[in-house]
Amino acid sequence: MPQEQPDNEHLHFWSFIDHAVSRTARELPGVDPLAMRLVLTLHRAANMLVYDLESTVHRPRGWSWPGFRVLFAVWLAAPVEAKKVAELSGMSRAAVSALVSTLERDGLVTKERAPHDGRAVHLGLTDDGMRAISGAFSAHNEREQEWAGSLSPDEQATLISLLEKLTAHSTHFEAKHRA
């Protein structure tokens, strides 16, 4: 049986989900199309949101999305060990280390040896770093409000609750995640 060829001219970021779910459900009968649609939609929505925040808020400040995440974690948890920043930001220690070097060079982050362990590094913000992250976060939150604005407060609370339920359930099947 010849495979149906998609009309690639009319496929786009969101319609590809419909095409993917329809085709895989036809070709692989054991596929759960609802679970597939949920994960594809969640992934694409998260990617859209991150790309928008990075390109409208953080790139104009010279930061990447990961750079913002490191500054945000340091801002809210300082003084904080670099390994804890990796955990809080969902990044590898190596990625945090590289970003911290850049942020330190840019005069935003300070590093000091931890008093309890000479190998550990405590991170903090400089005055410039404090001004930079608080200004960036104000712009970031304005953009968050624009994204959330399509949902009522009750819908926002419901979505948060459902996402928390989804992530909490991941412990039942040993989902992999950064710790």
C-alpha atoms as a PDB file:
ATOM      1  CA  MET A   1       0.000   0.000   0.000  1.00  0.00           C
ATOM      2  CA  PRO A   2       1.598   3.320  -1.029  1.00  0.00           C
ATOM      3  CA  GLN A   3       2.144   5.844   1.719  1.00  0.00           C
ATOM      4  CA  GLU A   4       0.018   8.965   1.677  1.00  0.00           C
ATOM      5  CA  GLN A   5       2.210  11.939   0.880  1.00  0.00           C
ATOM      6  CA  PRO A   6       1.534  15.033   2.973  1.00  0.00           C
ATOM      7  CA  ASP A   7       0.797  18.333   1.315  1.00  0.00           C
ATOM      8  CA  ASN A   8       4.040  19.850   2.592  1.00  0.00           C
ATOM      9  CA  GLU A   9       3.127  23.268   1.267  1.00  0.00           C
ATOM     10  CA  HIS A  10       0.260  23.441   3.735  1.00  0.00           C
ATOM     11  CA  LEU A  11       1.931  21.793   6.709  1.00  0.00           C
ATOM     12  CA  HIS A  12       3.035  24.224   9.400  1.00  0.00           C
ATOM     13  CA  PHE A  13       4.201  24.142  13.001  1.00  0.00           C
ATOM     14  CA  TRP A  14       0.761  23.340  14.466  1.00  0.00           C
ATOM     15  CA  SER A  15      -0.896  21.405  11.626  1.00  0.00           C
ATOM     16  CA  PHE A  16       2.050  19.009  11.659  1.00  0.00           C
ATOM     17  CA  ILE A  17       0.701  17.687  14.961  1.00  0.00           C
ATOM     18  CA  ASP A  18      -2.598  16.726  13.276  1.00  0.00           C
ATOM     19  CA  HIS A  19      -0.705  15.083  10.434  1.00  0.00           C
ATOM     20  CA  ALA A  20       1.685  13.235  12.772  1.00  0.00           C
ATOM     21  CA  VAL A  21      -1.096  11.919  15.002  1.00  0.00           C
ATOM     22  CA  SER A  22      -3.285  10.865  12.080  1.00  0.00           C
ATOM     23  CA  ARG A  23      -0.511   9.110  10.192  1.00  0.00           C
ATOM     24  CA  THR A  24       1.045   7.300  13.142  1.00  0.00           C
ATOM     25  CA  ALA A  25      -2.383   6.138  14.351  1.00  0.00           C
ATOM     26  CA  ARG A  26      -3.015   4.645  10.898  1.00  0.00           C
ATOM     27  CA  GLU A  27       0.404   3.036  10.531  1.00  0.00           C
ATOM     28  CA  LEU A  28       0.999   1.916  14.115  1.00  0.00           C
ATOM     29  CA  PRO A  29      -2.271   0.646  15.614  1.00  0.00           C
ATOM     30  CA  GLY A  30      -0.886   0.472  19.171  1.00  0.00           C
ATOM     31  CA  VAL A  31      -0.153   4.203  19.297  1.00  0.00           C
ATOM     32  CA  ASP A  32      -2.171   6.270  21.762  1.00  0.00           C
ATOM     33  CA  PRO A  33      -3.077   9.313  19.651  1.00  0.00           C
ATOM     34  CA  LEU A  34      -4.334  11.359  22.601  1.00  0.00           C
ATOM     35  CA  ALA A  35      -1.103  10.896  24.587  1.00  0.00           C
ATOM     36  CA  MET A  36       0.883  11.691  21.455  1.00  0.00           C
ATOM     37  CA  ARG A  37      -1.117  14.871  20.813  1.00  0.00           C
ATOM     38  CA  LEU A  38      -0.706  15.930  24.453  1.00  0.00           C
ATOM     39  CA  VAL A  39       3.086  15.547  24.438  1.00  0.00           C
ATOM     40  CA  LEU A  40       3.568  17.089  20.978  1.00  0.00           C
ATOM     41  CA  THR A  41       1.349  20.056  21.849  1.00  0.00           C
ATOM     42  CA  LEU A  42       3.006  20.584  25.223  1.00  0.00           C
ATOM     43  CA  HIS A  43       6.481  20.386  23.671  1.00  0.00           C
ATOM     44  CA  ARG A  44       5.663  22.770  20.847  1.00  0.00           C
ATOM     45  CA  ALA A  45       3.936  25.253  23.152  1.00  0.00           C
ATOM     46  CA  ALA A  46       6.900  25.222  25.555  1.00  0.00           C
ATOM     47  CA  ASN A  47       9.349  25.706  22.687  1.00  0.00           C
ATOM     48  CA  MET A  48       7.305  28.611  21.306  1.00  0.00           C
ATOM     49  CA  LEU A  49       7.135  30.282  24.689  1.00  0.00           C
ATOM     50  CA  VAL A  50      10.867  29.874  25.397  1.00  0.00           C
ATOM     51  CA  TYR A  51      11.818  31.106  21.920  1.00  0.00           C
ATOM     52  CA  ASP A  52       9.590  34.151  22.327  1.00  0.00           C
ATOM     53  CA  LEU A  53      10.944  35.027  25.781  1.00  0.00           C
ATOM     54  CA  GLU A  54      14.527  34.522  24.664  1.00  0.00           C
ATOM     55  CA  SER A  55      14.195  36.550  21.475  1.00  0.00           C
ATOM     56  CA  THR A  56      12.097  39.426  22.864  1.00  0.00           C
ATOM     57  CA  VAL A  57      13.485  39.771  26.399  1.00  0.00           C
ATOM     58  CA  HIS A  58      16.846  38.057  26.865  1.00  0.00           C
ATOM     59  CA  ARG A  59      18.741  38.214  23.565  1.00  0.00           C
ATOM     60  CA  PRO A  60      18.378  42.018  23.434  1.00  0.00           C
ATOM     61  CA  ARG A  61      20.244  42.028  26.785  1.00  0.00           C
ATOM     62  CA  GLY A  62      22.969  39.780  25.393  1.00  0.00           C
ATOM     63  CA  TRP A  63      21.771  36.686  27.261  1.00  0.00           C
ATOM     64  CA  SER A  64      20.679  33.267  26.136  1.00  0.00           C
ATOM     65  CA  TRP A  65      17.749  31.466  27.754  1.00  0.00           C
ATOM     66  CA  PRO A  66      20.177  29.315  29.785  1.00  0.00           C
ATOM     67  CA  GLY A  67      22.089  32.442  30.857  1.00  0.00           C
ATOM     68  CA  PHE A  68      18.857  33.972  32.131  1.00  0.00           C
ATOM     69  CA  ARG A  69      18.003  30.764  34.010  1.00  0.00           C
ATOM     70  CA  VAL A  70      21.369  30.820  35.783  1.00  0.00           C
ATOM     71  CA  LEU A  71      21.026  34.494  36.729  1.00  0.00           C
ATOM     72  CA  PHE A  72      17.457  33.915  37.903  1.00  0.00           C
ATOM     73  CA  ALA A  73      18.478  30.990  40.137  1.00  0.00           C
ATOM     74  CA  VAL A  74      21.441  32.895  41.578  1.00  0.00           C
ATOM     75  CA  TRP A  75      19.261  35.963  42.166  1.00  0.00           C
ATOM     76  CA  LEU A  76      16.656  34.038  44.122  1.00  0.00           C
ATOM     77  CA  ALA A  77      18.894  31.581  45.995  1.00  0.00           C
ATOM     78  CA  ALA A  78      22.210  33.404  46.576  1.00  0.00           C
ATOM     79  CA  PRO A  79      24.543  32.694  48.100  1.00  0.00           C
ATOM     80  CA  VAL A  80      24.205  29.368  46.345  1.00  0.00           C
ATOM     81  CA  GLU A  81      26.549  26.606  45.254  1.00  0.00           C
ATOM     82  CA  ALA A  82      27.039  26.172  41.529  1.00  0.00           C
ATOM     83  CA  LYS A  83      25.834  22.565  41.710  1.00  0.00           C
ATOM     84  CA  LYS A  84      22.567  23.773  43.286  1.00  0.00           C
ATOM     85  CA  VAL A  85      22.142  26.310  40.449  1.00  0.00           C
ATOM     86  CA  ALA A  86      22.479  23.397  38.015  1.00  0.00           C
ATOM     87  CA  GLU A  87      19.734  21.540  39.862  1.00  0.00           C
ATOM     88  CA  LEU A  88      17.428  24.571  40.154  1.00  0.00           C
ATOM     89  CA  SER A  89      17.834  25.545  36.507  1.00  0.00           C
ATOM     90  CA  GLY A  90      17.591  22.005  35.121  1.00  0.00           C
ATOM     91  CA  MET A  91      21.021  22.254  33.522  1.00  0.00           C
ATOM     92  CA  SER A  92      24.222  20.253  33.699  1.00  0.00           C
ATOM     93  CA  ARG A  93      27.001  21.359  36.029  1.00  0.00           C
ATOM     94  CA  ALA A  94      29.284  21.829  33.027  1.00  0.00           C
ATOM     95  CA  ALA A  95      26.784  24.141  31.321  1.00  0.00           C
ATOM     96  CA  VAL A  96      26.358  26.180  34.502  1.00  0.00           C
ATOM     97  CA  SER A  97      30.120  26.406  34.951  1.00  0.00           C
ATOM     98  CA  ALA A  98      30.590  27.731  31.406  1.00  0.00           C
ATOM     99  CA  LEU A  99      27.758  30.233  31.794  1.00  0.00           C
ATOM    100  CA  VAL A 100      29.001  31.410  35.181  1.00  0.00           C
ATOM    101  CA  SER A 101      32.417  32.116  33.669  1.00  0.00           C
ATOM    102  CA  THR A 102      30.791  34.308  31.027  1.00  0.00           C
ATOM    103  CA  LEU A 103      28.483  36.019  33.524  1.00  0.00           C
ATOM    104  CA  GLU A 104      31.421  36.637  35.860  1.00  0.00           C
ATOM    105  CA  ARG A 105      33.452  38.096  32.977  1.00  0.00           C
ATOM    106  CA  ASP A 106      30.492  40.375  32.192  1.00  0.00           C
ATOM    107  CA  GLY A 107      30.501  41.627  35.790  1.00  0.00           C
ATOM    108  CA  LEU A 108      27.148  40.113  36.761  1.00  0.00           C
ATOM    109  CA  VAL A 109      28.105  37.159  38.974  1.00  0.00           C
ATOM    110  CA  THR A 110      30.607  36.669  41.786  1.00  0.00           C
ATOM    111  CA  LYS A 111      32.284  33.401  42.776  1.00  0.00           C
ATOM    112  CA  GLU A 112      33.692  32.591  46.213  1.00  0.00           C
ATOM    113  CA  ARG A 113      34.960  29.383  47.745  1.00  0.00           C
ATOM    114  CA  ALA A 114      32.390  27.884  50.102  1.00  0.00           C
ATOM    115  CA  PRO A 115      33.563  28.012  53.725  1.00  0.00           C
ATOM    116  CA  HIS A 116      32.438  24.413  54.421  1.00  0.00           C
ATOM    117  CA  ASP A 117      34.115  22.887  51.347  1.00  0.00           C
ATOM    118  CA  GLY A 118      37.088  24.414  49.547  1.00  0.00           C
ATOM    119  CA  ARG A 119      36.083  22.683  46.315  1.00  0.00           C
ATOM    120  CA  ALA A 120      32.568  24.134  46.262  1.00  0.00           C
ATOM    121  CA  VAL A 121      31.849  27.557  44.797  1.00  0.00           C
ATOM    122  CA  HIS A 122      29.220  29.960  46.103  1.00  0.00           C
ATOM    123  CA  LEU A 123      27.655  32.248  43.533  1.00  0.00           C
ATOM    124  CA  GLY A 124      26.180  35.662  44.069  1.00  0.00           C
ATOM    125  CA  LEU A 125      25.232  38.701  42.033  1.00  0.00           C
ATOM    126  CA  THR A 126      27.178  41.898  41.700  1.00  0.00           C
ATOM    127  CA  ASP A 127      25.303  45.190  41.990  1.00  0.00           C
ATOM    128  CA  ASP A 128      25.255  45.314  38.181  1.00  0.00           C
ATOM    129  CA  GLY A 129      23.971  41.738  38.133  1.00  0.00           C
ATOM    130  CA  MET A 130      21.202  42.618  40.585  1.00  0.00           C
ATOM    131  CA  ARG A 131      20.097  45.578  38.463  1.00  0.00           C
ATOM    132  CA  ALA A 132      20.316  43.534  35.270  1.00  0.00           C
ATOM    133  CA  ILE A 133      18.265  40.563  36.489  1.00  0.00           C
ATOM    134  CA  SER A 134      15.598  42.645  38.203  1.00  0.00           C
ATOM    135  CA  GLY A 135      15.116  44.736  35.061  1.00  0.00           C
ATOM    136  CA  ALA A 136      15.143  41.669  32.847  1.00  0.00           C
ATOM    137  CA  PHE A 137      12.696  39.846  35.049  1.00  0.00           C
ATOM    138  CA  SER A 138      10.283  42.766  34.994  1.00  0.00           C
ATOM    139  CA  ALA A 139      10.274  42.596  31.180  1.00  0.00           C
ATOM    140  CA  HIS A 140      10.126  38.798  31.322  1.00  0.00           C
ATOM    141  CA  ASN A 141       7.071  38.882  33.576  1.00  0.00           C
ATOM    142  CA  GLU A 142       5.329  41.418  31.335  1.00  0.00           C
ATOM    143  CA  ARG A 143       5.761  38.939  28.491  1.00  0.00           C
ATOM    144  CA  GLU A 144       4.546  36.099  30.735  1.00  0.00           C
ATOM    145  CA  GLN A 145       1.413  38.121  31.416  1.00  0.00           C
ATOM    146  CA  GLU A 146       0.848  38.510  27.674  1.00  0.00           C
ATOM    147  CA  TRP A 147       1.123  34.753  27.218  1.00  0.00           C
ATOM    148  CA  ALA A 148      -1.126  33.990  30.187  1.00  0.00           C
ATOM    149  CA  GLY A 149      -3.638  36.649  29.115  1.00  0.00           C
ATOM    150  CA  SER A 150      -5.489  34.275  26.816  1.00  0.00           C
ATOM    151  CA  LEU A 151      -6.593  32.259  29.852  1.00  0.00           C
ATOM    152  CA  SER A 152      -8.819  33.371  32.700  1.00  0.00           C
ATOM    153  CA  PRO A 153      -7.323  33.191  36.209  1.00  0.00           C
ATOM    154  CA  ASP A 154      -9.330  30.009  36.820  1.00  0.00           C
ATOM    155  CA  GLU A 155      -8.038  28.464  33.572  1.00  0.00           C
ATOM    156  CA  GLN A 156      -4.483  29.421  34.513  1.00  0.00           C
ATOM    157  CA  ALA A 157      -4.902  27.728  37.905  1.00  0.00           C
ATOM    158  CA  THR A 158      -6.382  24.627  36.235  1.00  0.00           C
ATOM    159  CA  LEU A 159      -3.529  24.403  33.742  1.00  0.00           C
ATOM    160  CA  ILE A 160      -0.948  24.783  36.519  1.00  0.00           C
ATOM    161  CA  SER A 161      -2.696  22.063  38.513  1.00  0.00           C
ATOM    162  CA  LEU A 162      -2.790  19.721  35.523  1.00  0.00           C
ATOM    163  CA  LEU A 163       0.884  20.294  34.700  1.00  0.00           C
ATOM    164  CA  GLU A 164       1.823  19.681  38.335  1.00  0.00           C
ATOM    165  CA  LYS A 165      -0.204  16.459  38.251  1.00  0.00           C
ATOM    166  CA  LEU A 166       1.501  15.403  35.010  1.00  0.00           C
ATOM    167  CA  THR A 167       5.000  16.014  36.393  1.00  0.00           C
ATOM    168  CA  ALA A 168       4.246  14.445  39.785  1.00  0.00           C
ATOM    169  CA  HIS A 169       3.023  11.293  38.024  1.00  0.00           C
ATOM    170  CA  SER A 170       6.396  10.949  36.285  1.00  0.00           C
ATOM    171  CA  THR A 171       7.805   9.410  39.468  1.00  0.00           C
ATOM    172  CA  HIS A 172       5.586   6.361  38.899  1.00  0.00           C
ATOM    173  CA  PHE A 173       7.495   5.319  35.795  1.00  0.00           C
ATOM    174  CA  GLU A 174      10.967   6.571  36.673  1.00  0.00           C
ATOM    175  CA  ALA A 175      11.033   9.404  34.141  1.00  0.00           C
ATOM    176  CA  LYS A 176      14.499  10.772  33.480  1.00  0.00           C
ATOM    177  CA  HIS A 177      15.160  14.375  34.447  1.00  0.00           C
ATOM    178  CA  ARG A 178      18.032  16.517  35.607  1.00  0.00           C
ATOM    179  CA  ALA A 179      18.465  16.533  39.354  1.00  0.00           C
END
